[in-house]
Each structure stands twice: as structure tokens, then as C-alpha cells.
Amino acid sequence: MVLKKIGAVLVIIMMFTGFSVYYSERISEQISSSKPAIFEIQGDNAVMVGIINENIVLEVENLVNSHPNVKTIVMLNVPGSVNSYANLKAARIVRKNNISTIVPKNGYIASGGTVFFCAGVNRTIEEGAKVGVHSWKNDIIKDASKIPKESSFHKPYVEYFNEMGISNEFYWFMISSAPSFGMHYLTDYEIKKYGLVTN
């Protein structure tokens, strides 16, 4: 009952914030919880909501194989990831298939969601969208900004951003912008400075 009420409130919010164009019951339920990321096909768009986990590779493979008409992933609400390896692997599939990414107005991406966004062959962040970054952590590293730049732990991310045509400077900025338990929301200036958008 509580989830249904939350969903109803979210629908009302969506109607007044520009989300309504992407509304569906499934999306509403996903946004109101911390469920794994899914793609819902709407025309030649795939609307993405949820947490990126180990299933993301299979989800992206199913997307490109079953819906070759999809040209854009609309990242409506992707607040992070719990599996960095799978995230980077899935993101490379997105780039290989020349799919664009967009964060719609009042859309929200953060952490691993922002990393995934960078895979888009064309990348758009609409006015009003929120894009969060911070340092990463894992079972060994508690805060990536505290380890030397020459550490091999940085290598997967440095290589990834190089492949995506984004300066290494964005990676170093990302991990120094906020601790692993915090969040920094990019300004318009920062988004343009680090080349996150292509248009």
C-alpha cells in the first residue's frame, strides 16, 4: 500500500516535471525502489531506471540484440552501480553499437550511472538534469582519491574514459570531487569543461 502511494505521488511529480513522456507503471515502480536497472522500450528510445548490478551486461546485450532500432538510452533515474566491472563491460557494448545517451530534464544519474552515461556516442544532458560524481570504493580501497595516481587500481577507469574520448582529467576530478560516501553534482561549466556532452 505504501509503495502504491509513493508511486502515485511520483506520477504526479512526473506530470509536472517533464517525466510524464516516459511514464509507465513499470518505470514508476522501479523509481520508487532500489531495484536493478531495466530498459523499457518506447519507440527508438530505451528508458533506463534502476541500480546497475551484475545483470547489466545481459540487459544491454538483450537490448541491442532484441531492439536494434533503439538509438538512444534515456537515463531517467540511474543512481549508481554495485558492480564496476559489469558496468564498464556493458558501457563498452553501448559504444560499440553506436547508441547515444541522454539525461532528460529532471533526470538523475550518479556515480556508476554517470560512468555508464559516458559510453554514449552522442551525449546530451538537458537543463534541469542532475549528474553526480564522487570517489569510488571497493572491498580493498575505501576511497580512490587516497591512492597514488600510478596505482593499477585506476587503470580500468583511465582506459575506459580514454576509449570514450573523455579526458583523463575528468576521472581525476571525479574521484577528488567528493568522498566515496558523498556526492558532487556537476555544474554546467564542469559538464562542458570535461567534455561530457557532445552537443
C-alpha atoms as a PDB file:
ATOM      1  CA  MET A   1       0.000   0.000   0.000  1.00  0.00           C
ATOM      2  CA  VAL A   2       2.797   2.415   0.924  1.00  0.00           C
ATOM      3  CA  LEU A   3       4.648   1.692  -2.349  1.00  0.00           C
ATOM      4  CA  LYS A   4       1.457   2.312  -4.317  1.00  0.00           C
ATOM      5  CA  LYS A   5       1.029   5.683  -2.608  1.00  0.00           C
ATOM      6  CA  ILE A   6       4.658   6.550  -3.330  1.00  0.00           C
ATOM      7  CA  GLY A   7       4.140   5.525  -6.934  1.00  0.00           C
ATOM      8  CA  ALA A   8       1.057   7.724  -7.205  1.00  0.00           C
ATOM      9  CA  VAL A   9       2.956  10.705  -5.805  1.00  0.00           C
ATOM     10  CA  LEU A  10       5.799  10.071  -8.256  1.00  0.00           C
ATOM     11  CA  VAL A  11       3.363  10.006 -11.155  1.00  0.00           C
ATOM     12  CA  ILE A  12       2.047  13.427 -10.112  1.00  0.00           C
ATOM     13  CA  ILE A  13       5.596  14.754  -9.786  1.00  0.00           C
ATOM     14  CA  MET A  14       6.473  13.336 -13.201  1.00  0.00           C
ATOM     15  CA  MET A  15       3.490  15.049 -14.781  1.00  0.00           C
ATOM     16  CA  PHE A  16       4.692  18.428 -13.592  1.00  0.00           C
ATOM     17  CA  THR A  17       8.419  17.979 -14.113  1.00  0.00           C
ATOM     18  CA  GLY A  18       8.579  16.596 -17.641  1.00  0.00           C
ATOM     19  CA  PHE A  19       8.896  12.907 -16.767  1.00  0.00           C
ATOM     20  CA  SER A  20       5.372  12.134 -17.996  1.00  0.00           C
ATOM     21  CA  VAL A  21       6.574  11.493 -21.560  1.00  0.00           C
ATOM     22  CA  TYR A  22       8.444   8.463 -20.233  1.00  0.00           C
ATOM     23  CA  TYR A  23       5.840   7.305 -17.719  1.00  0.00           C
ATOM     24  CA  SER A  24       4.685   3.746 -17.337  1.00  0.00           C
ATOM     25  CA  GLU A  25       3.631   1.706 -14.312  1.00  0.00           C
ATOM     26  CA  ARG A  26       6.777  -0.393 -14.569  1.00  0.00           C
ATOM     27  CA  ILE A  27       9.028   2.673 -14.600  1.00  0.00           C
ATOM     28  CA  SER A  28       7.121   4.204 -11.693  1.00  0.00           C
ATOM     29  CA  GLU A  29       7.586   1.071  -9.594  1.00  0.00           C
ATOM     30  CA  GLN A  30      11.286   0.901 -10.441  1.00  0.00           C
ATOM     31  CA  ILE A  31      11.940   4.535  -9.497  1.00  0.00           C
ATOM     32  CA  SER A  32      10.177   4.113  -6.173  1.00  0.00           C
ATOM     33  CA  SER A  33      12.548   1.331  -5.108  1.00  0.00           C
ATOM     34  CA  SER A  34      16.198   0.306  -5.336  1.00  0.00           C
ATOM     35  CA  LYS A  35      15.747  -2.410  -7.930  1.00  0.00           C
ATOM     36  CA  PRO A  36      18.275  -3.458 -10.613  1.00  0.00           C
ATOM     37  CA  ALA A  37      18.448  -1.373 -13.773  1.00  0.00           C
ATOM     38  CA  ILE A  38      15.962  -2.146 -16.542  1.00  0.00           C
ATOM     39  CA  PHE A  39      15.300  -0.810 -20.030  1.00  0.00           C
ATOM     40  CA  GLU A  40      11.790  -0.081 -21.221  1.00  0.00           C
ATOM     41  CA  ILE A  41      11.424   0.392 -24.959  1.00  0.00           C
ATOM     42  CA  GLN A  42       9.489   3.455 -26.079  1.00  0.00           C
ATOM     43  CA  GLY A  43       9.826   3.885 -29.840  1.00  0.00           C
ATOM     44  CA  ASP A  44      13.515   4.168 -30.737  1.00  0.00           C
ATOM     45  CA  ASN A  45      14.382   5.043 -27.117  1.00  0.00           C
ATOM     46  CA  ALA A  46      15.212   2.717 -24.248  1.00  0.00           C
ATOM     47  CA  VAL A  47      14.280   4.329 -20.936  1.00  0.00           C
ATOM     48  CA  MET A  48      16.703   3.228 -18.210  1.00  0.00           C
ATOM     49  CA  VAL A  49      15.916   3.223 -14.489  1.00  0.00           C
ATOM     50  CA  GLY A  50      17.445   1.426 -11.525  1.00  0.00           C
ATOM     51  CA  ILE A  51      20.727   0.408  -9.937  1.00  0.00           C
ATOM     52  CA  ILE A  52      23.424  -1.040 -12.211  1.00  0.00           C
ATOM     53  CA  ASN A  53      24.434  -4.509 -10.991  1.00  0.00           C
ATOM     54  CA  GLU A  54      25.933  -7.726 -12.386  1.00  0.00           C
ATOM     55  CA  ASN A  55      22.872  -8.199 -14.634  1.00  0.00           C
ATOM     56  CA  ILE A  56      23.581  -5.054 -16.666  1.00  0.00           C
ATOM     57  CA  VAL A  57      25.687  -6.851 -19.294  1.00  0.00           C
ATOM     58  CA  LEU A  58      22.855  -9.273 -20.062  1.00  0.00           C
ATOM     59  CA  GLU A  59      20.332  -6.411 -20.067  1.00  0.00           C
ATOM     60  CA  VAL A  60      22.386  -4.394 -22.568  1.00  0.00           C
ATOM     61  CA  GLU A  61      23.049  -7.446 -24.747  1.00  0.00           C
ATOM     62  CA  ASN A  62      19.309  -8.173 -24.824  1.00  0.00           C
ATOM     63  CA  LEU A  63      18.667  -4.534 -25.672  1.00  0.00           C
ATOM     64  CA  VAL A  64      20.965  -4.418 -28.711  1.00  0.00           C
ATOM     65  CA  ASN A  65      20.010  -7.901 -29.951  1.00  0.00           C
ATOM     66  CA  SER A  66      16.247  -7.663 -29.481  1.00  0.00           C
ATOM     67  CA  HIS A  67      15.783  -3.972 -30.265  1.00  0.00           C
ATOM     68  CA  PRO A  68      18.254  -2.943 -32.973  1.00  0.00           C
ATOM     69  CA  ASN A  69      16.042   0.072 -33.724  1.00  0.00           C
ATOM     70  CA  VAL A  70      16.951   1.684 -30.383  1.00  0.00           C
ATOM     71  CA  LYS A  71      19.295   4.597 -30.972  1.00  0.00           C
ATOM     72  CA  THR A  72      19.167   6.332 -27.593  1.00  0.00           C
ATOM     73  CA  ILE A  73      19.211   5.306 -23.937  1.00  0.00           C
ATOM     74  CA  VAL A  74      17.213   7.786 -21.870  1.00  0.00           C
ATOM     75  CA  MET A  75      18.739   7.667 -18.393  1.00  0.00           C
ATOM     76  CA  LEU A  76      15.752   8.700 -16.333  1.00  0.00           C
ATOM     77  CA  ASN A  77      16.953   7.593 -12.907  1.00  0.00           C
ATOM     78  CA  VAL A  78      20.228   5.657 -12.586  1.00  0.00           C
ATOM     79  CA  PRO A  79      21.669   6.491  -9.148  1.00  0.00           C
ATOM     80  CA  GLY A  80      24.727   4.243  -9.230  1.00  0.00           C
ATOM     81  CA  SER A  81      26.242   0.807  -9.618  1.00  0.00           C
ATOM     82  CA  VAL A  82      27.222  -2.057  -7.350  1.00  0.00           C
ATOM     83  CA  ASN A  83      29.421  -3.837  -9.890  1.00  0.00           C
ATOM     84  CA  SER A  84      32.027  -1.673 -11.608  1.00  0.00           C
ATOM     85  CA  TYR A  85      33.402  -4.449 -13.809  1.00  0.00           C
ATOM     86  CA  ALA A  86      29.972  -5.244 -15.256  1.00  0.00           C
ATOM     87  CA  ASN A  87      29.230  -1.541 -15.632  1.00  0.00           C
ATOM     88  CA  LEU A  88      32.324  -0.885 -17.759  1.00  0.00           C
ATOM     89  CA  LYS A  89      31.730  -4.014 -19.852  1.00  0.00           C
ATOM     90  CA  ALA A  90      28.103  -3.074 -20.552  1.00  0.00           C
ATOM     91  CA  ALA A  91      29.052   0.518 -21.314  1.00  0.00           C
ATOM     92  CA  ARG A  92      31.519  -0.644 -23.970  1.00  0.00           C
ATOM     93  CA  ILE A  93      28.706  -2.618 -25.631  1.00  0.00           C
ATOM     94  CA  VAL A  94      26.676   0.592 -25.765  1.00  0.00           C
ATOM     95  CA  ARG A  95      29.532   2.409 -27.512  1.00  0.00           C
ATOM     96  CA  LYS A  96      30.249  -0.491 -29.873  1.00  0.00           C
ATOM     97  CA  ASN A  97      26.641  -0.310 -31.055  1.00  0.00           C
ATOM     98  CA  ASN A  98      26.717   3.473 -31.597  1.00  0.00           C
ATOM     99  CA  ILE A  99      23.965   4.172 -29.097  1.00  0.00           C
ATOM    100  CA  SER A 100      23.530   7.681 -27.712  1.00  0.00           C
ATOM    101  CA  THR A 101      22.752   8.573 -24.097  1.00  0.00           C
ATOM    102  CA  ILE A 102      20.634  11.382 -22.715  1.00  0.00           C
ATOM    103  CA  VAL A 103      19.672  12.551 -19.235  1.00  0.00           C
ATOM    104  CA  PRO A 104      16.289  14.257 -19.647  1.00  0.00           C
ATOM    105  CA  LYS A 105      15.270  17.382 -17.783  1.00  0.00           C
ATOM    106  CA  ASN A 106      14.887  16.449 -14.122  1.00  0.00           C
ATOM    107  CA  GLY A 107      16.527  13.116 -14.847  1.00  0.00           C
ATOM    108  CA  TYR A 108      19.082  11.826 -12.356  1.00  0.00           C
ATOM    109  CA  ILE A 109      22.333   9.908 -12.760  1.00  0.00           C
ATOM    110  CA  ALA A 110      25.148   9.493 -10.274  1.00  0.00           C
ATOM    111  CA  SER A 111      28.293   7.501  -9.559  1.00  0.00           C
ATOM    112  CA  GLY A 112      28.330   4.425 -11.832  1.00  0.00           C
ATOM    113  CA  GLY A 113      25.320   5.844 -13.660  1.00  0.00           C
ATOM    114  CA  THR A 114      27.454   8.804 -14.736  1.00  0.00           C
ATOM    115  CA  VAL A 115      30.224   6.452 -15.847  1.00  0.00           C
ATOM    116  CA  PHE A 116      27.698   4.484 -17.940  1.00  0.00           C
ATOM    117  CA  PHE A 117      26.340   7.710 -19.466  1.00  0.00           C
ATOM    118  CA  CYS A 118      29.795   8.492 -20.860  1.00  0.00           C
ATOM    119  CA  ALA A 119      29.526   5.492 -23.213  1.00  0.00           C
ATOM    120  CA  GLY A 120      27.033   7.294 -25.436  1.00  0.00           C
ATOM    121  CA  VAL A 121      28.330   8.003 -28.931  1.00  0.00           C
ATOM    122  CA  ASN A 122      26.331  11.234 -28.627  1.00  0.00           C
ATOM    123  CA  ARG A 123      25.696  12.532 -25.116  1.00  0.00           C
ATOM    124  CA  THR A 124      23.072  15.043 -24.010  1.00  0.00           C
ATOM    125  CA  ILE A 125      22.261  16.429 -20.574  1.00  0.00           C
ATOM    126  CA  GLU A 126      19.101  18.516 -20.612  1.00  0.00           C
ATOM    127  CA  GLU A 127      18.722  21.614 -18.475  1.00  0.00           C
ATOM    128  CA  GLY A 128      17.456  20.636 -15.028  1.00  0.00           C
ATOM    129  CA  ALA A 129      19.055  17.174 -15.020  1.00  0.00           C
ATOM    130  CA  LYS A 130      21.280  16.203 -12.078  1.00  0.00           C
ATOM    131  CA  VAL A 131      24.605  14.469 -12.661  1.00  0.00           C
ATOM    132  CA  GLY A 132      26.502  13.269  -9.588  1.00  0.00           C
ATOM    133  CA  VAL A 133      30.098  12.100  -9.183  1.00  0.00           C
ATOM    134  CA  HIS A 134      32.283  11.004  -6.288  1.00  0.00           C
ATOM    135  CA  SER A 135      35.220   8.818  -5.405  1.00  0.00           C
ATOM    136  CA  TRP A 136      34.772   5.080  -5.659  1.00  0.00           C
ATOM    137  CA  LYS A 137      35.457   2.355  -3.130  1.00  0.00           C
ATOM    138  CA  ASN A 138      35.580  -1.417  -3.032  1.00  0.00           C
ATOM    139  CA  ASP A 139      36.453  -4.177  -0.556  1.00  0.00           C
ATOM    140  CA  ILE A 140      40.116  -3.132  -0.646  1.00  0.00           C
ATOM    141  CA  ILE A 141      40.061   0.611  -1.351  1.00  0.00           C
ATOM    142  CA  LYS A 142      37.968   2.835   0.896  1.00  0.00           C
ATOM    143  CA  ASP A 143      38.480   5.990  -1.166  1.00  0.00           C
ATOM    144  CA  ALA A 144      40.116   6.013  -4.609  1.00  0.00           C
ATOM    145  CA  SER A 145      41.321   9.592  -4.206  1.00  0.00           C
ATOM    146  CA  LYS A 146      43.651   8.449  -1.401  1.00  0.00           C
ATOM    147  CA  ILE A 147      45.711   6.060  -3.510  1.00  0.00           C
ATOM    148  CA  PRO A 148      48.604   7.169  -5.792  1.00  0.00           C
ATOM    149  CA  LYS A 149      47.795   8.080  -9.393  1.00  0.00           C
ATOM    150  CA  GLU A 150      50.200   5.421 -10.635  1.00  0.00           C
ATOM    151  CA  SER A 151      48.262   2.673  -8.821  1.00  0.00           C
ATOM    152  CA  SER A 152      46.924  -0.077 -11.084  1.00  0.00           C
ATOM    153  CA  PHE A 153      43.535   0.320  -9.397  1.00  0.00           C
ATOM    154  CA  HIS A 154      42.949   3.435 -11.506  1.00  0.00           C
ATOM    155  CA  LYS A 155      43.824   1.756 -14.795  1.00  0.00           C
ATOM    156  CA  PRO A 156      40.382   0.318 -15.748  1.00  0.00           C
ATOM    157  CA  TYR A 157      38.741   3.725 -15.401  1.00  0.00           C
ATOM    158  CA  VAL A 158      41.539   5.668 -17.113  1.00  0.00           C
ATOM    159  CA  GLU A 159      41.436   3.261 -20.058  1.00  0.00           C
ATOM    160  CA  TYR A 160      37.641   3.439 -20.214  1.00  0.00           C
ATOM    161  CA  PHE A 161      37.460   7.222 -20.345  1.00  0.00           C
ATOM    162  CA  ASN A 162      40.219   7.263 -22.973  1.00  0.00           C
ATOM    163  CA  GLU A 163      38.159   4.871 -25.094  1.00  0.00           C
ATOM    164  CA  MET A 164      35.119   7.104 -24.716  1.00  0.00           C
ATOM    165  CA  GLY A 165      37.059  10.158 -25.876  1.00  0.00           C
ATOM    166  CA  ILE A 166      36.829  11.853 -22.489  1.00  0.00           C
ATOM    167  CA  SER A 167      39.904  13.401 -20.905  1.00  0.00           C
ATOM    168  CA  ASN A 168      41.603  11.607 -18.019  1.00  0.00           C
ATOM    169  CA  GLU A 169      41.192  14.883 -16.186  1.00  0.00           C
ATOM    170  CA  PHE A 170      37.527  14.088 -15.731  1.00  0.00           C
ATOM    171  CA  TYR A 171      38.382  10.850 -13.914  1.00  0.00           C
ATOM    172  CA  TRP A 172      40.801  12.590 -11.544  1.00  0.00           C
ATOM    173  CA  PHE A 173      38.257  15.350 -10.962  1.00  0.00           C
ATOM    174  CA  MET A 174      35.515  12.798 -10.362  1.00  0.00           C
ATOM    175  CA  ILE A 175      37.331  10.920  -7.603  1.00  0.00           C
ATOM    176  CA  SER A 176      38.523  14.111  -5.910  1.00  0.00           C
ATOM    177  CA  SER A 177      35.186  15.950  -6.111  1.00  0.00           C
ATOM    178  CA  ALA A 178      33.589  14.167  -3.164  1.00  0.00           C
ATOM    179  CA  PRO A 179      34.443  11.229  -0.859  1.00  0.00           C
ATOM    180  CA  SER A 180      33.005   7.808  -1.565  1.00  0.00           C
ATOM    181  CA  PHE A 181      30.204   8.448   0.925  1.00  0.00           C
ATOM    182  CA  GLY A 182      29.391  11.884  -0.538  1.00  0.00           C
ATOM    183  CA  MET A 183      28.266  13.340  -3.863  1.00  0.00           C
ATOM    184  CA  HIS A 184      29.170  16.320  -6.031  1.00  0.00           C
ATOM    185  CA  TYR A 185      26.682  17.498  -8.637  1.00  0.00           C
ATOM    186  CA  LEU A 186      28.303  18.788 -11.794  1.00  0.00           C
ATOM    187  CA  THR A 187      27.783  22.386 -12.797  1.00  0.00           C
ATOM    188  CA  ASP A 188      27.115  23.377 -16.404  1.00  0.00           C
ATOM    189  CA  TYR A 189      30.666  24.699 -16.530  1.00  0.00           C
ATOM    190  CA  GLU A 190      32.122  21.367 -15.353  1.00  0.00           C
ATOM    191  CA  ILE A 191      29.988  19.371 -17.788  1.00  0.00           C
ATOM    192  CA  LYS A 192      31.344  21.412 -20.698  1.00  0.00           C
ATOM    193  CA  LYS A 193      34.895  21.638 -19.358  1.00  0.00           C
ATOM    194  CA  TYR A 194      35.314  17.871 -19.174  1.00  0.00           C
ATOM    195  CA  GLY A 195      33.505  17.127 -22.430  1.00  0.00           C
ATOM    196  CA  LEU A 196      30.652  15.083 -21.017  1.00  0.00           C
ATOM    197  CA  VAL A 197      28.222  16.330 -23.666  1.00  0.00           C
ATOM    198  CA  THR A 198      28.766  16.166 -27.400  1.00  0.00           C
ATOM    199  CA  ASN A 199      26.190  18.760 -28.452  1.00  0.00           C
END
